[in-house]
N, C-alpha and C. Protein backbone atom coordinates (compact mmCIF):
# COMPACT_ATOMS: atom_id res chain seq x y z
N MET A 1 -9.19 9.28 27.79
CA MET A 1 -9.27 9.09 26.35
C MET A 1 -8.67 7.73 26.01
N GLY A 2 -9.28 7.01 25.11
CA GLY A 2 -8.80 5.70 24.70
C GLY A 2 -7.66 5.78 23.71
N ARG A 3 -7.15 4.63 23.37
CA ARG A 3 -6.02 4.52 22.44
C ARG A 3 -6.42 5.06 21.06
N THR A 4 -5.51 5.81 20.44
CA THR A 4 -5.73 6.36 19.10
C THR A 4 -5.16 5.40 18.07
N PHE A 5 -6.00 4.80 17.28
CA PHE A 5 -5.56 3.90 16.22
C PHE A 5 -5.57 4.64 14.89
N VAL A 6 -4.57 4.36 14.08
CA VAL A 6 -4.54 4.91 12.73
C VAL A 6 -5.33 3.95 11.86
N VAL A 7 -6.53 4.35 11.48
CA VAL A 7 -7.40 3.50 10.68
C VAL A 7 -7.01 3.57 9.21
N ASP A 8 -6.73 4.76 8.75
CA ASP A 8 -6.40 4.99 7.35
C ASP A 8 -5.01 5.60 7.28
N LEU A 9 -4.03 4.80 6.88
CA LEU A 9 -2.64 5.23 6.86
C LEU A 9 -2.43 6.46 5.97
N GLU A 10 -3.05 6.47 4.81
CA GLU A 10 -2.89 7.60 3.89
C GLU A 10 -3.43 8.89 4.51
N SER A 11 -4.59 8.82 5.14
CA SER A 11 -5.16 10.02 5.79
C SER A 11 -4.26 10.50 6.92
N HIS A 12 -3.73 9.56 7.69
CA HIS A 12 -2.84 9.95 8.79
C HIS A 12 -1.58 10.63 8.25
N CYS A 13 -1.02 10.09 7.20
CA CYS A 13 0.19 10.69 6.61
C CYS A 13 -0.10 12.08 6.05
N ARG A 14 -1.25 12.26 5.44
CA ARG A 14 -1.64 13.61 4.97
C ARG A 14 -1.78 14.57 6.15
N LEU A 15 -2.33 14.06 7.26
CA LEU A 15 -2.47 14.88 8.46
C LEU A 15 -1.10 15.26 9.02
N LEU A 16 -0.15 14.33 9.02
CA LEU A 16 1.21 14.65 9.47
C LEU A 16 1.81 15.76 8.60
N LEU A 17 1.64 15.63 7.29
CA LEU A 17 2.19 16.62 6.36
C LEU A 17 1.53 17.99 6.52
N SER A 18 0.21 18.01 6.62
CA SER A 18 -0.49 19.30 6.74
C SER A 18 -0.21 19.95 8.09
N SER A 19 -0.10 19.16 9.15
CA SER A 19 0.21 19.70 10.47
C SER A 19 1.62 20.28 10.50
N TYR A 20 2.55 19.60 9.84
CA TYR A 20 3.93 20.11 9.77
C TYR A 20 3.95 21.45 9.03
N LEU A 21 3.27 21.51 7.91
CA LEU A 21 3.23 22.75 7.12
C LEU A 21 2.65 23.91 7.94
N ARG A 22 1.56 23.66 8.66
CA ARG A 22 0.95 24.71 9.49
C ARG A 22 1.87 25.13 10.63
N ALA A 23 2.52 24.15 11.28
CA ALA A 23 3.36 24.45 12.45
C ALA A 23 4.69 25.09 12.08
N VAL A 24 5.34 24.56 11.05
CA VAL A 24 6.71 24.95 10.72
C VAL A 24 6.77 25.97 9.59
N GLY A 25 5.76 25.97 8.73
CA GLY A 25 5.71 26.93 7.64
C GLY A 25 6.40 26.50 6.37
N LYS A 26 6.72 25.23 6.26
CA LYS A 26 7.30 24.70 5.02
C LYS A 26 6.91 23.23 4.87
N GLU A 27 7.07 22.73 3.66
CA GLU A 27 6.73 21.33 3.37
C GLU A 27 7.74 20.39 4.03
N LEU A 28 7.27 19.28 4.54
CA LEU A 28 8.15 18.27 5.12
C LEU A 28 8.88 17.50 4.02
N ILE A 29 8.16 17.17 2.96
CA ILE A 29 8.73 16.40 1.85
C ILE A 29 7.97 16.76 0.58
N GLU A 30 8.64 16.69 -0.52
CA GLU A 30 8.01 16.97 -1.81
C GLU A 30 7.43 15.67 -2.36
N LEU A 31 6.14 15.70 -2.67
CA LEU A 31 5.49 14.52 -3.24
C LEU A 31 5.72 14.50 -4.75
N LYS A 32 6.04 13.33 -5.26
CA LYS A 32 6.16 13.17 -6.71
C LYS A 32 4.76 13.10 -7.31
N GLN A 33 4.64 13.43 -8.58
CA GLN A 33 3.34 13.39 -9.27
C GLN A 33 2.67 12.04 -9.06
N GLY A 34 1.46 12.04 -8.49
CA GLY A 34 0.68 10.83 -8.30
C GLY A 34 1.11 9.97 -7.12
N GLU A 35 2.13 10.38 -6.38
CA GLU A 35 2.62 9.58 -5.26
C GLU A 35 1.75 9.81 -4.02
N SER A 36 1.48 8.75 -3.29
CA SER A 36 0.71 8.88 -2.07
C SER A 36 1.59 9.45 -0.95
N SER A 37 0.96 10.09 0.00
CA SER A 37 1.68 10.61 1.16
C SER A 37 2.34 9.49 1.93
N ALA A 38 1.63 8.37 2.10
CA ALA A 38 2.17 7.24 2.84
C ALA A 38 3.43 6.69 2.17
N ALA A 39 3.41 6.56 0.85
CA ALA A 39 4.58 6.04 0.13
C ALA A 39 5.75 7.02 0.23
N ALA A 40 5.47 8.31 0.09
CA ALA A 40 6.53 9.32 0.16
C ALA A 40 7.19 9.34 1.54
N LEU A 41 6.39 9.28 2.58
CA LEU A 41 6.95 9.31 3.93
C LEU A 41 7.69 8.02 4.25
N ASP A 42 7.21 6.91 3.72
CA ASP A 42 7.89 5.65 4.00
C ASP A 42 9.27 5.60 3.34
N ARG A 43 9.44 6.24 2.20
CA ARG A 43 10.73 6.24 1.50
C ARG A 43 11.62 7.41 1.93
N ALA A 44 11.15 8.24 2.83
CA ALA A 44 11.88 9.44 3.24
C ALA A 44 13.25 9.09 3.84
N PRO A 45 14.22 9.99 3.69
CA PRO A 45 15.56 9.75 4.21
C PRO A 45 15.69 10.03 5.71
N PHE A 46 14.59 10.39 6.36
CA PHE A 46 14.59 10.69 7.79
C PHE A 46 13.64 9.73 8.50
N ALA A 47 13.82 9.60 9.81
CA ALA A 47 12.88 8.83 10.63
C ALA A 47 11.72 9.75 10.98
N LEU A 48 10.51 9.21 10.91
CA LEU A 48 9.30 9.97 11.22
C LEU A 48 8.41 9.09 12.08
N LEU A 49 7.96 9.64 13.20
CA LEU A 49 7.07 8.89 14.08
C LEU A 49 6.04 9.84 14.68
N SER A 50 4.94 9.26 15.12
CA SER A 50 3.92 10.07 15.78
C SER A 50 3.25 9.25 16.87
N HIS A 51 2.67 9.98 17.82
CA HIS A 51 1.85 9.34 18.85
C HIS A 51 0.52 10.07 18.95
N GLY A 52 -0.43 9.40 19.58
CA GLY A 52 -1.76 9.96 19.73
C GLY A 52 -1.85 10.94 20.88
N ALA A 53 -3.08 11.29 21.26
CA ALA A 53 -3.34 12.30 22.27
C ALA A 53 -3.76 11.70 23.61
N GLU A 54 -3.47 10.43 23.82
CA GLU A 54 -3.82 9.78 25.08
C GLU A 54 -3.05 10.40 26.25
N ALA A 55 -3.50 10.13 27.48
CA ALA A 55 -2.78 10.60 28.67
C ALA A 55 -1.36 10.02 28.69
N ASP A 56 -1.21 8.76 28.32
CA ASP A 56 0.09 8.10 28.16
C ASP A 56 0.18 7.72 26.68
N PRO A 57 0.60 8.66 25.83
CA PRO A 57 0.50 8.46 24.37
C PRO A 57 1.20 7.20 23.86
N VAL A 58 0.53 6.55 22.92
CA VAL A 58 1.05 5.35 22.26
C VAL A 58 1.43 5.73 20.84
N LEU A 59 2.57 5.22 20.39
CA LEU A 59 3.00 5.48 19.02
C LEU A 59 1.93 4.96 18.07
N ASN A 60 1.60 5.74 17.05
CA ASN A 60 0.59 5.30 16.08
C ASN A 60 1.09 5.35 14.65
N TYR A 61 2.37 5.73 14.47
CA TYR A 61 2.95 5.72 13.13
C TYR A 61 4.47 5.74 13.23
N GLY A 62 5.10 5.01 12.35
CA GLY A 62 6.54 5.07 12.17
C GLY A 62 6.86 4.70 10.74
N ASN A 63 7.68 5.51 10.06
CA ASN A 63 8.05 5.16 8.70
C ASN A 63 9.17 4.11 8.74
N LYS A 64 9.64 3.72 7.56
CA LYS A 64 10.64 2.65 7.47
C LYS A 64 11.88 2.96 8.30
N LYS A 65 12.39 4.18 8.21
CA LYS A 65 13.59 4.56 8.97
C LYS A 65 13.34 4.51 10.47
N ALA A 66 12.17 4.92 10.92
CA ALA A 66 11.86 4.87 12.35
C ALA A 66 11.80 3.43 12.84
N LEU A 67 11.16 2.56 12.06
CA LEU A 67 11.09 1.15 12.45
C LEU A 67 12.48 0.54 12.52
N GLU A 68 13.34 0.88 11.57
CA GLU A 68 14.72 0.39 11.59
C GLU A 68 15.47 0.93 12.81
N LEU A 69 15.33 2.20 13.08
CA LEU A 69 16.04 2.85 14.18
C LEU A 69 15.65 2.25 15.53
N TRP A 70 14.37 1.99 15.72
CA TRP A 70 13.90 1.41 16.97
C TRP A 70 13.89 -0.13 16.94
N GLU A 71 14.35 -0.71 15.84
CA GLU A 71 14.44 -2.17 15.70
C GLU A 71 13.10 -2.84 16.03
N ALA A 72 12.07 -2.38 15.33
CA ALA A 72 10.72 -2.86 15.61
C ALA A 72 9.97 -3.11 14.32
N ASP A 73 8.99 -4.02 14.39
CA ASP A 73 8.06 -4.14 13.28
C ASP A 73 6.87 -3.22 13.59
N TRP A 74 5.98 -3.09 12.62
CA TRP A 74 4.84 -2.17 12.76
C TRP A 74 4.02 -2.46 14.01
N GLU A 75 3.72 -3.74 14.25
CA GLU A 75 2.86 -4.11 15.38
C GLU A 75 3.50 -3.73 16.72
N ALA A 76 4.79 -4.05 16.87
CA ALA A 76 5.48 -3.73 18.13
C ALA A 76 5.59 -2.22 18.32
N PHE A 77 5.94 -1.53 17.24
CA PHE A 77 6.15 -0.09 17.32
C PHE A 77 4.85 0.63 17.67
N THR A 78 3.77 0.28 17.01
CA THR A 78 2.51 1.00 17.20
C THR A 78 1.70 0.50 18.40
N SER A 79 2.30 -0.33 19.22
CA SER A 79 1.66 -0.70 20.49
C SER A 79 2.50 -0.21 21.67
N MET A 80 3.57 0.53 21.38
CA MET A 80 4.50 0.98 22.41
C MET A 80 4.15 2.39 22.89
N PRO A 81 4.01 2.56 24.21
CA PRO A 81 3.86 3.92 24.72
C PRO A 81 5.08 4.74 24.30
N SER A 82 4.87 5.95 23.83
CA SER A 82 5.99 6.73 23.29
C SER A 82 7.03 7.07 24.35
N ARG A 83 6.65 7.08 25.62
CA ARG A 83 7.63 7.35 26.68
C ARG A 83 8.74 6.31 26.69
N LEU A 84 8.45 5.09 26.19
CA LEU A 84 9.45 4.03 26.20
C LEU A 84 10.51 4.21 25.12
N THR A 85 10.38 5.23 24.28
CA THR A 85 11.42 5.52 23.29
C THR A 85 12.64 6.16 23.96
N ALA A 86 12.48 6.65 25.18
CA ALA A 86 13.58 7.27 25.93
C ALA A 86 13.89 6.41 27.16
N GLU A 87 15.13 6.48 27.61
CA GLU A 87 15.52 5.76 28.81
C GLU A 87 14.82 6.36 30.02
N PRO A 88 14.57 5.54 31.06
CA PRO A 88 13.81 6.02 32.23
C PRO A 88 14.33 7.33 32.81
N MET A 89 15.65 7.48 32.93
CA MET A 89 16.19 8.69 33.56
C MET A 89 16.06 9.93 32.67
N LEU A 90 15.73 9.74 31.40
CA LEU A 90 15.59 10.88 30.47
C LEU A 90 14.13 11.22 30.16
N ARG A 91 13.21 10.47 30.73
CA ARG A 91 11.79 10.67 30.40
C ARG A 91 11.23 11.98 30.90
N GLU A 92 11.74 12.47 32.02
CA GLU A 92 11.25 13.74 32.54
C GLU A 92 11.60 14.89 31.58
N ASP A 93 12.82 14.88 31.05
CA ASP A 93 13.22 15.89 30.07
C ASP A 93 12.35 15.79 28.82
N ARG A 94 12.10 14.56 28.37
CA ARG A 94 11.27 14.33 27.19
C ARG A 94 9.86 14.87 27.43
N ASP A 95 9.29 14.58 28.59
CA ASP A 95 7.95 15.05 28.92
C ASP A 95 7.88 16.58 28.94
N ARG A 96 8.92 17.21 29.48
CA ARG A 96 8.97 18.67 29.53
C ARG A 96 8.99 19.25 28.10
N LEU A 97 9.81 18.64 27.23
CA LEU A 97 9.89 19.08 25.84
C LEU A 97 8.52 18.95 25.15
N LEU A 98 7.86 17.82 25.33
CA LEU A 98 6.57 17.61 24.67
C LEU A 98 5.51 18.60 25.17
N MET A 99 5.60 18.97 26.44
CA MET A 99 4.67 19.98 26.97
C MET A 99 4.95 21.34 26.34
N GLU A 100 6.22 21.67 26.16
CA GLU A 100 6.58 22.93 25.49
C GLU A 100 6.06 22.94 24.05
N VAL A 101 6.20 21.82 23.36
CA VAL A 101 5.70 21.72 21.99
C VAL A 101 4.19 21.87 21.99
N ARG A 102 3.53 21.25 22.94
CA ARG A 102 2.07 21.34 23.03
C ARG A 102 1.63 22.81 23.12
N GLU A 103 2.39 23.60 23.88
CA GLU A 103 2.04 25.01 24.08
C GLU A 103 2.48 25.90 22.91
N GLN A 104 3.64 25.60 22.31
CA GLN A 104 4.22 26.48 21.29
C GLN A 104 3.95 26.05 19.85
N GLY A 105 3.55 24.79 19.64
CA GLY A 105 3.24 24.31 18.30
C GLY A 105 4.30 23.44 17.68
N PHE A 106 5.59 23.79 17.91
CA PHE A 106 6.67 22.95 17.41
C PHE A 106 7.98 23.33 18.08
N SER A 107 8.97 22.45 17.93
CA SER A 107 10.32 22.68 18.42
C SER A 107 11.28 22.23 17.33
N ASN A 108 12.32 23.00 17.13
CA ASN A 108 13.27 22.72 16.06
C ASN A 108 14.66 22.54 16.64
N GLY A 109 15.40 21.52 16.18
CA GLY A 109 16.79 21.34 16.59
C GLY A 109 16.99 20.53 17.85
N TYR A 110 16.00 19.78 18.29
CA TYR A 110 16.13 18.98 19.51
C TYR A 110 17.20 17.91 19.37
N VAL A 111 17.96 17.72 20.44
CA VAL A 111 18.96 16.65 20.53
C VAL A 111 18.67 15.88 21.81
N GLY A 112 18.62 14.55 21.73
CA GLY A 112 18.38 13.73 22.91
C GLY A 112 18.77 12.29 22.66
N VAL A 113 18.84 11.53 23.73
CA VAL A 113 19.21 10.12 23.64
C VAL A 113 17.94 9.28 23.67
N ARG A 114 17.88 8.30 22.80
CA ARG A 114 16.75 7.38 22.72
C ARG A 114 17.26 5.95 22.79
N ILE A 115 16.33 5.02 22.96
CA ILE A 115 16.69 3.62 23.12
C ILE A 115 15.77 2.76 22.25
N SER A 116 16.37 1.80 21.55
CA SER A 116 15.59 0.91 20.69
C SER A 116 14.95 -0.20 21.53
N LEU A 117 14.12 -1.00 20.91
CA LEU A 117 13.48 -2.10 21.63
C LEU A 117 14.49 -3.11 22.14
N SER A 118 15.64 -3.23 21.47
CA SER A 118 16.67 -4.18 21.92
C SER A 118 17.58 -3.58 22.98
N GLY A 119 17.41 -2.28 23.28
CA GLY A 119 18.25 -1.62 24.27
C GLY A 119 19.41 -0.84 23.69
N ARG A 120 19.52 -0.79 22.38
CA ARG A 120 20.58 -0.03 21.72
C ARG A 120 20.29 1.46 21.89
N ARG A 121 21.32 2.21 22.31
CA ARG A 121 21.17 3.65 22.55
C ARG A 121 21.67 4.44 21.36
N PHE A 122 20.99 5.55 21.06
CA PHE A 122 21.40 6.43 19.98
C PHE A 122 20.96 7.85 20.30
N ARG A 123 21.71 8.80 19.77
CA ARG A 123 21.39 10.21 19.97
C ARG A 123 20.68 10.73 18.73
N ILE A 124 19.49 11.30 18.92
CA ILE A 124 18.78 11.93 17.81
C ILE A 124 19.21 13.39 17.75
N GLU A 125 19.35 13.90 16.51
CA GLU A 125 19.91 15.24 16.32
C GLU A 125 19.08 16.03 15.32
N GLU A 126 19.03 17.35 15.52
CA GLU A 126 18.31 18.25 14.62
C GLU A 126 16.83 17.86 14.47
N THR A 127 16.27 17.30 15.50
CA THR A 127 14.90 16.79 15.46
C THR A 127 13.87 17.92 15.51
N VAL A 128 12.86 17.79 14.67
CA VAL A 128 11.73 18.72 14.68
C VAL A 128 10.54 17.96 15.25
N ILE A 129 9.91 18.55 16.26
CA ILE A 129 8.74 17.95 16.90
C ILE A 129 7.60 18.95 16.76
N TRP A 130 6.43 18.46 16.37
CA TRP A 130 5.29 19.37 16.17
C TRP A 130 3.99 18.71 16.60
N ASN A 131 3.00 19.58 16.84
CA ASN A 131 1.66 19.10 17.18
C ASN A 131 0.95 18.63 15.92
N VAL A 132 0.27 17.52 16.04
CA VAL A 132 -0.59 17.03 14.97
C VAL A 132 -2.00 17.52 15.30
N VAL A 133 -2.57 18.28 14.38
CA VAL A 133 -3.87 18.91 14.60
C VAL A 133 -4.78 18.51 13.45
N ASP A 134 -6.00 18.05 13.78
CA ASP A 134 -6.91 17.61 12.72
C ASP A 134 -7.55 18.79 12.00
N GLU A 135 -8.39 18.48 11.03
CA GLU A 135 -9.01 19.50 10.18
C GLU A 135 -9.87 20.49 10.96
N GLU A 136 -10.41 20.06 12.10
CA GLU A 136 -11.23 20.94 12.93
C GLU A 136 -10.40 21.71 13.95
N GLY A 137 -9.08 21.56 13.90
CA GLY A 137 -8.21 22.27 14.83
C GLY A 137 -8.02 21.57 16.16
N ARG A 138 -8.48 20.33 16.27
CA ARG A 138 -8.33 19.57 17.52
C ARG A 138 -6.96 18.91 17.58
N PHE A 139 -6.37 18.96 18.77
CA PHE A 139 -5.08 18.31 19.02
C PHE A 139 -5.26 16.80 18.86
N ALA A 140 -4.42 16.19 18.00
CA ALA A 140 -4.53 14.76 17.72
C ALA A 140 -3.26 14.00 18.09
N GLY A 141 -2.28 14.69 18.66
CA GLY A 141 -1.04 14.05 19.06
C GLY A 141 0.17 14.89 18.65
N GLN A 142 1.31 14.23 18.58
CA GLN A 142 2.55 14.90 18.20
C GLN A 142 3.36 14.01 17.29
N ALA A 143 4.23 14.62 16.51
CA ALA A 143 5.08 13.88 15.58
C ALA A 143 6.50 14.40 15.68
N ALA A 144 7.45 13.57 15.26
CA ALA A 144 8.85 13.97 15.25
C ALA A 144 9.50 13.51 13.96
N MET A 145 10.30 14.40 13.39
CA MET A 145 11.10 14.10 12.21
C MET A 145 12.56 14.15 12.65
N ILE A 146 13.24 13.03 12.47
CA ILE A 146 14.62 12.89 12.93
C ILE A 146 15.52 12.72 11.71
N PRO A 147 16.21 13.80 11.30
CA PRO A 147 17.04 13.71 10.11
C PRO A 147 18.40 13.06 10.34
N ARG A 148 18.89 13.11 11.60
CA ARG A 148 20.21 12.56 11.90
C ARG A 148 20.20 11.86 13.24
N TRP A 149 21.03 10.85 13.35
CA TRP A 149 21.22 10.15 14.62
C TRP A 149 22.62 9.56 14.64
N THR A 150 23.10 9.35 15.86
CA THR A 150 24.44 8.80 16.07
C THR A 150 24.33 7.65 17.05
N GLU A 151 24.92 6.52 16.70
CA GLU A 151 24.93 5.37 17.60
C GLU A 151 25.78 5.71 18.83
N LEU A 152 25.35 5.27 20.00
CA LEU A 152 26.10 5.45 21.24
C LEU A 152 26.53 4.08 21.72
N PHE A 153 27.77 3.97 22.03
CA PHE A 153 28.30 2.68 22.48
C PHE A 153 28.67 2.79 23.95
N SER A 154 28.18 1.84 24.73
CA SER A 154 28.42 1.88 26.18
C SER A 154 29.81 1.43 26.53
């Protein structure tokens, strides 16, 4: 399967929201009257990211908090294989978690260590990870909502 590009940001954000609602059973964020999904998610107080359904998934979305957390601009972030968000020695655990999510639909309360593009380490906490599923029920990737993180100093 080729790289999954987000062609329409608003449609992708609506897909993230609807997939979260189906998987978790509650709204991810409350939209203000007339507010777009993309604007609401970009202003959210949590980091939100997603990757596609490729064999080696590439990040295809990150809100403002996610870009800040990974110290990346949109172009760098959305061209990065999602496995690179974790340190090499932690990638096997990450892969196992994503496979469990693939089978179960979502995971709640995940804690793990991640690494920014500059090499800064941080622990993500209370993370919710869910499958992104399109309108026809096809698997389109996975997303993560990270409400808390802690800087780790070496």
